[in-house]
Amino acid sequence: MRELLLNHSRKTSRQGEFQGSRILLAEEAVNALADSHFENLLDLEEYIAAVVSNVLLIVESAGSICELGSFVKIKEISEKLVIIMLSDHSYPASFITSGALGYYKQYHANPQVLGFSWKTDKDGVVSAAGYVLEKMLSDIPSAMDAVASSGKEEYFKEKSIGHRIYLVLAICHVLRAAKLTEIKLALKASVVTGDNFSEKDIRRCLDILIICKLLKPIKHGKLDYYVSQVDDLPLKISWKSGTANKDRDTLRWIGKISEAGKIDDKDRIEIFWEHKYADS
C-alpha cells in the first residue's frame, strides 16, 4: 500500500517527496543501523522521530503491527504519529483495536487514525481504487498538519532528544565543517549541556543528522569533517527577556565556537565549499 500511495503521489510530488514534504523511508533507517552507534532499531527510530515533522505508519503487515505497538508507547514518535488502517477494521481486536489503538487514543491529545479501503490478493499484490488514493492524498496531509510540530519557539530542554540533535547541528553549521573534537569542546563549554553530553551521545546525534541528510560526513586524511547541509542556523540562540546586550552575547557565543574551531583553517574552508555547494 505504501508503494502504491507513493507512486500515485508522484503525479503531483517530486521524487523523494510526499505532498511537498521530504520523506525518509523505514528501510533507510534499517540499512543505517549496522554502521550507527545504536544497538537497536527502536532507539534509532526514536531519535529520527525527534527531528522529523511526522511519522506515517500504514498498518498492513506483521512488521507494521509490531511497530504500531511500539510507536504508541514512545513519546517522541507517538506525538507525531499518523496511523493509516483498513477501514473495515479486520484486525485482532484484543491486540490492535483495544490494545495499541486504544492506548494511542486514550493518551494522545489529538489522535490521527485514518481508515481506507484496499485489497491484497493471494500473491501479496495490493490494489486500491483511484478515488481511494485521491482521498488518501487529500486527508493524510491534514492529519500530518494536526500533529506536526508547531514551530513555536521554546526554551532549550537538555533532556529533549530533538534539542540535543539540533544543538549539534547548530555547532556544525557555525563551524562550516566541524571535527568531532571541536563539537565535544563546544558542548563542554555550553552552559546548557556542560559535561552531560557523552561522546556516544554526540555520535548518535551525528548519525541521525547524516541519515536525515542535514549533515554530510567527509573523510579528509585521517579526520572526519561534518558539513552542514542547511542554509540557516538550525537553532536560534535566545536569551531571557531583559538580558543586557543579548545580541552581542549571542555573537560572542558564536564567535567563541568559531575561534575554538580555527575557522580560518584552509582545508576546512575548501571542504565546506566543495561539499556544501557542489550541487548548486
C-alpha atoms as a PDB file:
ATOM      1  CA  MET A   1       0.000   0.000   0.000  1.00  0.00           C
ATOM      2  CA  ARG A   2       2.849   2.360   0.782  1.00  0.00           C
ATOM      3  CA  GLU A   3       4.406   1.910  -2.651  1.00  0.00           C
ATOM      4  CA  LEU A   4       1.009   2.253  -4.318  1.00  0.00           C
ATOM      5  CA  LEU A   5       0.379   5.508  -2.452  1.00  0.00           C
ATOM      6  CA  LEU A   6       3.845   6.927  -3.185  1.00  0.00           C
ATOM      7  CA  ASN A   7       3.581   6.040  -6.869  1.00  0.00           C
ATOM      8  CA  HIS A   8       0.200   7.766  -7.071  1.00  0.00           C
ATOM      9  CA  SER A   9       1.513  10.851  -5.246  1.00  0.00           C
ATOM     10  CA  ARG A  10       4.333  11.276  -7.767  1.00  0.00           C
ATOM     11  CA  LYS A  11       1.810  12.749 -10.178  1.00  0.00           C
ATOM     12  CA  THR A  12       1.960  15.905  -8.058  1.00  0.00           C
ATOM     13  CA  SER A  13       5.145  15.451  -5.959  1.00  0.00           C
ATOM     14  CA  ARG A  14       8.812  15.206  -6.863  1.00  0.00           C
ATOM     15  CA  GLN A  15      10.863  12.050  -6.348  1.00  0.00           C
ATOM     16  CA  GLY A  16      11.692  11.617  -2.655  1.00  0.00           C
ATOM     17  CA  GLU A  17       8.743  13.750  -1.548  1.00  0.00           C
ATOM     18  CA  PHE A  18       5.184  13.162  -0.418  1.00  0.00           C
ATOM     19  CA  GLN A  19       2.766  16.044  -0.898  1.00  0.00           C
ATOM     20  CA  GLY A  20       5.609  18.563  -0.768  1.00  0.00           C
ATOM     21  CA  SER A  21       7.425  17.050   2.219  1.00  0.00           C
ATOM     22  CA  ARG A  22      10.739  15.217   2.064  1.00  0.00           C
ATOM     23  CA  ILE A  23      10.382  11.583   3.099  1.00  0.00           C
ATOM     24  CA  LEU A  24      12.669   9.128   4.845  1.00  0.00           C
ATOM     25  CA  LEU A  25      11.653   5.523   4.228  1.00  0.00           C
ATOM     26  CA  ALA A  26      11.844   2.982   7.052  1.00  0.00           C
ATOM     27  CA  GLU A  27      14.343   0.797   5.187  1.00  0.00           C
ATOM     28  CA  GLU A  28      16.795   3.708   5.073  1.00  0.00           C
ATOM     29  CA  ALA A  29      16.864   3.623   8.878  1.00  0.00           C
ATOM     30  CA  VAL A  30      17.176  -0.170   8.882  1.00  0.00           C
ATOM     31  CA  ASN A  31      20.109  -0.027   6.453  1.00  0.00           C
ATOM     32  CA  ALA A  32      21.831   2.662   8.538  1.00  0.00           C
ATOM     33  CA  LEU A  33      21.585   0.738  11.823  1.00  0.00           C
ATOM     34  CA  ALA A  34      24.625  -1.506  11.336  1.00  0.00           C
ATOM     35  CA  ASP A  35      27.029   1.421  10.829  1.00  0.00           C
ATOM     36  CA  SER A  36      25.474   3.607  13.522  1.00  0.00           C
ATOM     37  CA  HIS A  37      26.045   3.968  17.259  1.00  0.00           C
ATOM     38  CA  PHE A  38      22.643   2.479  18.075  1.00  0.00           C
ATOM     39  CA  GLU A  39      22.169  -1.062  19.335  1.00  0.00           C
ATOM     40  CA  ASN A  40      18.556  -1.459  18.203  1.00  0.00           C
ATOM     41  CA  LEU A  41      16.170  -0.047  15.627  1.00  0.00           C
ATOM     42  CA  LEU A  42      13.641   1.354  18.121  1.00  0.00           C
ATOM     43  CA  ASP A  43      16.193   3.719  19.679  1.00  0.00           C
ATOM     44  CA  LEU A  44      17.279   4.810  16.205  1.00  0.00           C
ATOM     45  CA  GLU A  45      13.684   5.470  15.135  1.00  0.00           C
ATOM     46  CA  GLU A  46      13.032   7.415  18.347  1.00  0.00           C
ATOM     47  CA  TYR A  47      15.925   9.750  17.536  1.00  0.00           C
ATOM     48  CA  ILE A  48      14.770  10.150  13.930  1.00  0.00           C
ATOM     49  CA  ALA A  49      11.258  10.963  15.146  1.00  0.00           C
ATOM     50  CA  ALA A  50      12.712  13.774  17.258  1.00  0.00           C
ATOM     51  CA  VAL A  51      13.737  15.757  14.158  1.00  0.00           C
ATOM     52  CA  VAL A  52      11.023  14.919  11.613  1.00  0.00           C
ATOM     53  CA  SER A  53       7.631  16.594  11.349  1.00  0.00           C
ATOM     54  CA  ASN A  54       5.580  13.405  11.084  1.00  0.00           C
ATOM     55  CA  VAL A  55       5.698   9.627  11.345  1.00  0.00           C
ATOM     56  CA  LEU A  56       3.306   7.913   8.931  1.00  0.00           C
ATOM     57  CA  LEU A  57       2.511   4.284   9.709  1.00  0.00           C
ATOM     58  CA  ILE A  58       0.477   2.178   7.280  1.00  0.00           C
ATOM     59  CA  VAL A  59      -0.748  -0.870   9.198  1.00  0.00           C
ATOM     60  CA  GLU A  60      -0.615  -3.582   6.541  1.00  0.00           C
ATOM     61  CA  SER A  61       1.835  -6.278   7.681  1.00  0.00           C
ATOM     62  CA  ALA A  62       3.123  -8.147  10.720  1.00  0.00           C
ATOM     63  CA  GLY A  63       6.064  -5.748  10.914  1.00  0.00           C
ATOM     64  CA  SER A  64       3.859  -2.654  10.867  1.00  0.00           C
ATOM     65  CA  ILE A  65       1.593  -4.152  13.550  1.00  0.00           C
ATOM     66  CA  CYS A  66       4.715  -4.657  15.688  1.00  0.00           C
ATOM     67  CA  GLU A  67       5.719  -1.043  15.048  1.00  0.00           C
ATOM     68  CA  LEU A  68       2.243   0.165  15.988  1.00  0.00           C
ATOM     69  CA  GLY A  69       2.529  -1.436  19.416  1.00  0.00           C
ATOM     70  CA  SER A  70       5.936   0.168  19.976  1.00  0.00           C
ATOM     71  CA  PHE A  71       5.303   3.572  18.423  1.00  0.00           C
ATOM     72  CA  VAL A  72       2.260   4.445  20.532  1.00  0.00           C
ATOM     73  CA  LYS A  73       4.375   3.934  23.677  1.00  0.00           C
ATOM     74  CA  ILE A  74       7.358   6.052  22.596  1.00  0.00           C
ATOM     75  CA  LYS A  75       6.670   9.729  23.303  1.00  0.00           C
ATOM     76  CA  GLU A  76       8.910  11.179  20.580  1.00  0.00           C
ATOM     77  CA  ILE A  77       7.146   9.034  17.965  1.00  0.00           C
ATOM     78  CA  SER A  78       3.548   8.997  19.213  1.00  0.00           C
ATOM     79  CA  GLU A  79       3.362  12.814  19.328  1.00  0.00           C
ATOM     80  CA  LYS A  80       3.911  12.944  15.533  1.00  0.00           C
ATOM     81  CA  LEU A  81       2.194   9.705  14.567  1.00  0.00           C
ATOM     82  CA  VAL A  82      -0.437   9.369  11.831  1.00  0.00           C
ATOM     83  CA  ILE A  83      -1.914   5.854  11.605  1.00  0.00           C
ATOM     84  CA  ILE A  84      -3.387   4.597   8.312  1.00  0.00           C
ATOM     85  CA  MET A  85      -5.501   1.434   8.508  1.00  0.00           C
ATOM     86  CA  LEU A  86      -8.010  -0.654   6.625  1.00  0.00           C
ATOM     87  CA  SER A  87     -11.441   0.888   7.101  1.00  0.00           C
ATOM     88  CA  ASP A  88     -13.132  -2.458   7.688  1.00  0.00           C
ATOM     89  CA  HIS A  89     -11.147  -2.892  10.940  1.00  0.00           C
ATOM     90  CA  SER A  90     -10.324  -6.511  10.132  1.00  0.00           C
ATOM     91  CA  TYR A  91      -7.691  -6.697  12.853  1.00  0.00           C
ATOM     92  CA  PRO A  92      -7.466  -8.832  16.024  1.00  0.00           C
ATOM     93  CA  ALA A  93      -9.487  -6.761  18.476  1.00  0.00           C
ATOM     94  CA  SER A  94      -7.540  -7.574  21.617  1.00  0.00           C
ATOM     95  CA  PHE A  95      -4.102  -6.785  20.225  1.00  0.00           C
ATOM     96  CA  ILE A  96      -4.725  -3.867  17.877  1.00  0.00           C
ATOM     97  CA  THR A  97      -8.049  -2.083  18.245  1.00  0.00           C
ATOM     98  CA  SER A  98      -8.344  -2.494  22.012  1.00  0.00           C
ATOM     99  CA  GLY A  99      -4.619  -2.541  22.693  1.00  0.00           C
ATOM    100  CA  ALA A 100      -2.340  -0.246  20.711  1.00  0.00           C
ATOM    101  CA  LEU A 101      -5.097   1.889  19.173  1.00  0.00           C
ATOM    102  CA  GLY A 102      -6.954   2.124  22.455  1.00  0.00           C
ATOM    103  CA  TYR A 103      -3.792   3.304  24.216  1.00  0.00           C
ATOM    104  CA  TYR A 104      -2.989   5.805  21.459  1.00  0.00           C
ATOM    105  CA  LYS A 105      -6.474   7.336  21.532  1.00  0.00           C
ATOM    106  CA  GLN A 106      -6.522   7.490  25.324  1.00  0.00           C
ATOM    107  CA  TYR A 107      -3.178   9.187  25.845  1.00  0.00           C
ATOM    108  CA  HIS A 108      -2.751  11.274  22.690  1.00  0.00           C
ATOM    109  CA  ALA A 109      -4.232  14.768  22.815  1.00  0.00           C
ATOM    110  CA  ASN A 110      -5.092  14.747  19.109  1.00  0.00           C
ATOM    111  CA  PRO A 111      -5.032  11.154  17.767  1.00  0.00           C
ATOM    112  CA  GLN A 112      -4.951  10.750  13.991  1.00  0.00           C
ATOM    113  CA  VAL A 113      -6.269   7.392  12.767  1.00  0.00           C
ATOM    114  CA  LEU A 114      -7.410   7.250   9.139  1.00  0.00           C
ATOM    115  CA  GLY A 115      -9.339   4.344   7.603  1.00  0.00           C
ATOM    116  CA  PHE A 116      -9.262   3.496   3.888  1.00  0.00           C
ATOM    117  CA  SER A 117     -10.187   0.545   1.699  1.00  0.00           C
ATOM    118  CA  TRP A 118      -7.635  -1.560  -0.173  1.00  0.00           C
ATOM    119  CA  LYS A 119      -7.236  -5.202  -1.138  1.00  0.00           C
ATOM    120  CA  THR A 120      -4.365  -7.693  -1.080  1.00  0.00           C
ATOM    121  CA  ASP A 121      -4.528 -10.740  -3.342  1.00  0.00           C
ATOM    122  CA  LYS A 122      -3.088 -14.195  -2.664  1.00  0.00           C
ATOM    123  CA  ASP A 123       0.260 -13.162  -4.146  1.00  0.00           C
ATOM    124  CA  GLY A 124       0.512 -10.149  -1.842  1.00  0.00           C
ATOM    125  CA  VAL A 125      -0.249  -7.588  -4.563  1.00  0.00           C
ATOM    126  CA  VAL A 126      -2.113  -4.574  -3.183  1.00  0.00           C
ATOM    127  CA  SER A 127      -4.750  -2.672  -5.138  1.00  0.00           C
ATOM    128  CA  ALA A 128      -6.949   0.320  -4.372  1.00  0.00           C
ATOM    129  CA  ALA A 129      -9.498   2.294  -6.353  1.00  0.00           C
ATOM    130  CA  GLY A 130      -8.431   5.613  -7.802  1.00  0.00           C
ATOM    131  CA  TYR A 131     -10.917   7.572  -5.691  1.00  0.00           C
ATOM    132  CA  VAL A 132      -9.458   5.924  -2.550  1.00  0.00           C
ATOM    133  CA  LEU A 133      -5.926   7.002  -3.448  1.00  0.00           C
ATOM    134  CA  GLU A 134      -7.156  10.537  -4.159  1.00  0.00           C
ATOM    135  CA  LYS A 135      -8.897  10.591  -0.775  1.00  0.00           C
ATOM    136  CA  MET A 136      -5.653   9.496   0.876  1.00  0.00           C
ATOM    137  CA  LEU A 137      -3.732  12.306  -0.812  1.00  0.00           C
ATOM    138  CA  SER A 138      -6.392  14.704   0.419  1.00  0.00           C
ATOM    139  CA  ASP A 139      -6.772  13.511   4.023  1.00  0.00           C
ATOM    140  CA  ILE A 140      -3.255  12.468   5.046  1.00  0.00           C
ATOM    141  CA  PRO A 141      -1.682  15.970   4.770  1.00  0.00           C
ATOM    142  CA  SER A 142      -4.420  17.381   7.015  1.00  0.00           C
ATOM    143  CA  ALA A 143      -3.690  14.689   9.599  1.00  0.00           C
ATOM    144  CA  MET A 144       0.019  15.432   9.290  1.00  0.00           C
ATOM    145  CA  ASP A 145      -0.599  19.119   9.965  1.00  0.00           C
ATOM    146  CA  ALA A 146      -2.703  18.252  13.007  1.00  0.00           C
ATOM    147  CA  VAL A 147       0.194  16.530  14.788  1.00  0.00           C
ATOM    148  CA  ALA A 148       3.218  18.273  13.261  1.00  0.00           C
ATOM    149  CA  SER A 149       5.499  20.375  15.423  1.00  0.00           C
ATOM    150  CA  SER A 150       4.007  23.817  15.877  1.00  0.00           C
ATOM    151  CA  GLY A 151       7.259  25.631  15.152  1.00  0.00           C
ATOM    152  CA  LYS A 152       6.849  27.845  18.221  1.00  0.00           C
ATOM    153  CA  GLU A 153       9.982  28.982  19.995  1.00  0.00           C
ATOM    154  CA  GLU A 154      10.707  27.189  23.241  1.00  0.00           C
ATOM    155  CA  TYR A 155      13.453  27.078  25.815  1.00  0.00           C
ATOM    156  CA  PHE A 156      16.216  24.553  25.336  1.00  0.00           C
ATOM    157  CA  LYS A 157      15.494  21.348  27.216  1.00  0.00           C
ATOM    158  CA  GLU A 158      18.634  19.395  27.989  1.00  0.00           C
ATOM    159  CA  LYS A 159      16.792  16.056  28.065  1.00  0.00           C
ATOM    160  CA  SER A 160      14.983  16.673  24.771  1.00  0.00           C
ATOM    161  CA  ILE A 161      16.451  14.396  22.109  1.00  0.00           C
ATOM    162  CA  GLY A 162      15.446  16.778  19.336  1.00  0.00           C
ATOM    163  CA  HIS A 163      17.003  19.802  21.043  1.00  0.00           C
ATOM    164  CA  ARG A 164      20.277  17.949  21.581  1.00  0.00           C
ATOM    165  CA  ILE A 165      20.405  16.855  17.948  1.00  0.00           C
ATOM    166  CA  TYR A 166      19.748  20.390  16.696  1.00  0.00           C
ATOM    167  CA  LEU A 167      22.366  21.816  19.069  1.00  0.00           C
ATOM    168  CA  VAL A 168      24.971  19.529  17.466  1.00  0.00           C
ATOM    169  CA  LEU A 169      23.764  20.636  14.022  1.00  0.00           C
ATOM    170  CA  ALA A 170      23.979  24.303  15.045  1.00  0.00           C
ATOM    171  CA  ILE A 171      27.603  23.863  16.123  1.00  0.00           C
ATOM    172  CA  CYS A 172      28.481  22.105  12.850  1.00  0.00           C
ATOM    173  CA  HIS A 173      26.700  24.870  10.951  1.00  0.00           C
ATOM    174  CA  VAL A 174      28.649  27.643  12.692  1.00  0.00           C
ATOM    175  CA  LEU A 175      31.938  25.809  12.133  1.00  0.00           C
ATOM    176  CA  ARG A 176      31.027  25.103   8.479  1.00  0.00           C
ATOM    177  CA  ALA A 177      32.886  21.782   8.588  1.00  0.00           C
ATOM    178  CA  ALA A 178      33.242  20.500  12.142  1.00  0.00           C
ATOM    179  CA  LYS A 179      35.510  17.859  13.640  1.00  0.00           C
ATOM    180  CA  LEU A 180      34.367  15.625  16.494  1.00  0.00           C
ATOM    181  CA  THR A 181      36.894  17.103  18.939  1.00  0.00           C
ATOM    182  CA  GLU A 182      35.580  20.609  18.211  1.00  0.00           C
ATOM    183  CA  ILE A 183      31.957  19.551  18.745  1.00  0.00           C
ATOM    184  CA  LYS A 184      32.952  17.989  22.093  1.00  0.00           C
ATOM    185  CA  LEU A 185      34.757  21.177  23.170  1.00  0.00           C
ATOM    186  CA  ALA A 186      31.857  23.404  22.164  1.00  0.00           C
ATOM    187  CA  LEU A 187      29.336  21.257  24.058  1.00  0.00           C
ATOM    188  CA  LYS A 188      31.573  21.095  27.127  1.00  0.00           C
ATOM    189  CA  ALA A 189      31.757  24.892  27.177  1.00  0.00           C
ATOM    190  CA  SER A 190      27.999  25.210  26.785  1.00  0.00           C
ATOM    191  CA  VAL A 191      26.042  26.391  29.791  1.00  0.00           C
ATOM    192  CA  VAL A 192      23.021  24.276  28.864  1.00  0.00           C
ATOM    193  CA  THR A 193      24.802  20.946  28.430  1.00  0.00           C
ATOM    194  CA  GLY A 194      28.099  21.083  30.289  1.00  0.00           C
ATOM    195  CA  ASP A 195      29.557  17.608  30.795  1.00  0.00           C
ATOM    196  CA  ASN A 196      26.222  15.801  30.294  1.00  0.00           C
ATOM    197  CA  PHE A 197      26.902  15.025  26.640  1.00  0.00           C
ATOM    198  CA  SER A 198      28.972  11.876  26.183  1.00  0.00           C
ATOM    199  CA  GLU A 199      30.854  11.044  23.002  1.00  0.00           C
ATOM    200  CA  LYS A 200      28.310   8.310  22.324  1.00  0.00           C
ATOM    201  CA  ASP A 201      25.504  10.901  22.614  1.00  0.00           C
ATOM    202  CA  ILE A 202      27.297  13.136  20.116  1.00  0.00           C
ATOM    203  CA  ARG A 203      27.919  10.295  17.677  1.00  0.00           C
ATOM    204  CA  ARG A 204      24.260   9.260  17.863  1.00  0.00           C
ATOM    205  CA  CYS A 205      23.192  12.815  17.061  1.00  0.00           C
ATOM    206  CA  LEU A 206      25.613  12.869  14.129  1.00  0.00           C
ATOM    207  CA  ASP A 207      24.219   9.543  12.891  1.00  0.00           C
ATOM    208  CA  ILE A 208      20.686  10.946  12.808  1.00  0.00           C
ATOM    209  CA  LEU A 209      21.706  14.191  11.118  1.00  0.00           C
ATOM    210  CA  ILE A 210      23.507  12.193   8.417  1.00  0.00           C
ATOM    211  CA  ILE A 211      20.572   9.792   7.917  1.00  0.00           C
ATOM    212  CA  CYS A 212      18.216  12.792   7.613  1.00  0.00           C
ATOM    213  CA  LYS A 213      20.659  14.451   5.161  1.00  0.00           C
ATOM    214  CA  LEU A 214      21.140  17.513   7.383  1.00  0.00           C
ATOM    215  CA  LEU A 215      24.869  16.798   7.686  1.00  0.00           C
ATOM    216  CA  LYS A 216      27.352  15.364   5.212  1.00  0.00           C
ATOM    217  CA  PRO A 217      30.341  13.385   6.571  1.00  0.00           C
ATOM    218  CA  ILE A 218      33.611  13.951   4.716  1.00  0.00           C
ATOM    219  CA  LYS A 219      36.787  11.906   5.220  1.00  0.00           C
ATOM    220  CA  HIS A 220      39.898  14.073   4.832  1.00  0.00           C
ATOM    221  CA  GLY A 221      43.100  12.177   5.577  1.00  0.00           C
ATOM    222  CA  LYS A 222      42.583  10.568   8.970  1.00  0.00           C
ATOM    223  CA  LEU A 223      39.977  13.118  10.057  1.00  0.00           C
ATOM    224  CA  ASP A 224      36.209  13.176   9.645  1.00  0.00           C
ATOM    225  CA  TYR A 225      34.551  16.521   8.942  1.00  0.00           C
ATOM    226  CA  TYR A 226      30.805  17.128   9.275  1.00  0.00           C
ATOM    227  CA  VAL A 227      29.467  19.674   6.794  1.00  0.00           C
ATOM    228  CA  SER A 228      26.133  21.365   7.460  1.00  0.00           C
ATOM    229  CA  GLN A 229      23.617  20.922   4.632  1.00  0.00           C
ATOM    230  CA  VAL A 230      21.152  23.557   5.871  1.00  0.00           C
ATOM    231  CA  ASP A 231      21.040  27.196   4.829  1.00  0.00           C
ATOM    232  CA  ASP A 232      20.016  28.825   8.102  1.00  0.00           C
ATOM    233  CA  LEU A 233      21.254  28.443  11.668  1.00  0.00           C
ATOM    234  CA  PRO A 234      19.129  25.471  12.870  1.00  0.00           C
ATOM    235  CA  LEU A 235      18.951  26.691  16.460  1.00  0.00           C
ATOM    236  CA  LYS A 236      18.054  30.233  17.386  1.00  0.00           C
ATOM    237  CA  ILE A 237      20.207  31.258  20.333  1.00  0.00           C
ATOM    238  CA  SER A 238      17.997  33.433  22.505  1.00  0.00           C
ATOM    239  CA  TRP A 239      18.114  34.947  25.964  1.00  0.00           C
ATOM    240  CA  LYS A 240      15.588  35.727  28.671  1.00  0.00           C
ATOM    241  CA  SER A 241      13.706  38.988  28.231  1.00  0.00           C
ATOM    242  CA  GLY A 242      15.600  41.912  29.680  1.00  0.00           C
ATOM    243  CA  THR A 243      19.080  40.396  29.422  1.00  0.00           C
ATOM    244  CA  ALA A 244      21.538  43.160  28.685  1.00  0.00           C
ATOM    245  CA  ASN A 245      23.386  43.100  25.377  1.00  0.00           C
ATOM    246  CA  LYS A 246      21.648  39.890  24.332  1.00  0.00           C
ATOM    247  CA  ASP A 247      22.554  40.303  20.669  1.00  0.00           C
ATOM    248  CA  ARG A 248      26.202  40.949  21.480  1.00  0.00           C
ATOM    249  CA  ASP A 249      26.236  37.949  23.813  1.00  0.00           C
ATOM    250  CA  THR A 250      24.811  35.771  21.056  1.00  0.00           C
ATOM    251  CA  LEU A 251      27.506  36.872  18.626  1.00  0.00           C
ATOM    252  CA  ARG A 252      30.174  36.347  21.284  1.00  0.00           C
ATOM    253  CA  TRP A 253      28.964  32.767  21.871  1.00  0.00           C
ATOM    254  CA  ILE A 254      29.093  32.024  18.145  1.00  0.00           C
ATOM    255  CA  GLY A 255      32.476  33.747  17.917  1.00  0.00           C
ATOM    256  CA  LYS A 256      33.921  31.555  20.644  1.00  0.00           C
ATOM    257  CA  ILE A 257      32.870  28.408  18.814  1.00  0.00           C
ATOM    258  CA  SER A 258      34.356  29.706  15.581  1.00  0.00           C
ATOM    259  CA  GLU A 259      37.586  30.698  17.285  1.00  0.00           C
ATOM    260  CA  ALA A 260      37.895  27.341  19.051  1.00  0.00           C
ATOM    261  CA  GLY A 261      37.469  25.571  15.727  1.00  0.00           C
ATOM    262  CA  LYS A 262      40.051  27.677  13.881  1.00  0.00           C
ATOM    263  CA  ILE A 263      37.556  28.642  11.207  1.00  0.00           C
ATOM    264  CA  ASP A 264      40.356  30.044   9.043  1.00  0.00           C
ATOM    265  CA  ASP A 265      41.759  26.551   8.504  1.00  0.00           C
ATOM    266  CA  LYS A 266      42.424  26.254   4.765  1.00  0.00           C
ATOM    267  CA  ASP A 267      41.345  22.609   4.463  1.00  0.00           C
ATOM    268  CA  ARG A 268      38.103  23.279   6.306  1.00  0.00           C
ATOM    269  CA  ILE A 269      37.101  26.138   4.022  1.00  0.00           C
ATOM    270  CA  GLU A 270      37.848  24.118   0.886  1.00  0.00           C
ATOM    271  CA  ILE A 271      35.929  21.097   2.203  1.00  0.00           C
ATOM    272  CA  PHE A 272      32.970  23.306   3.079  1.00  0.00           C
ATOM    273  CA  TRP A 273      32.768  24.990  -0.308  1.00  0.00           C
ATOM    274  CA  GLU A 274      33.243  21.764  -2.210  1.00  0.00           C
ATOM    275  CA  HIS A 275      30.620  19.756  -0.317  1.00  0.00           C
ATOM    276  CA  LYS A 276      28.110  22.417   0.656  1.00  0.00           C
ATOM    277  CA  TYR A 277      27.690  23.968  -2.769  1.00  0.00           C
ATOM    278  CA  ALA A 278      28.723  21.070  -5.019  1.00  0.00           C
ATOM    279  CA  ASP A 279      25.194  20.737  -6.454  1.00  0.00           C
ATOM    280  CA  SER A 280      24.488  24.478  -6.728  1.00  0.00           C
END
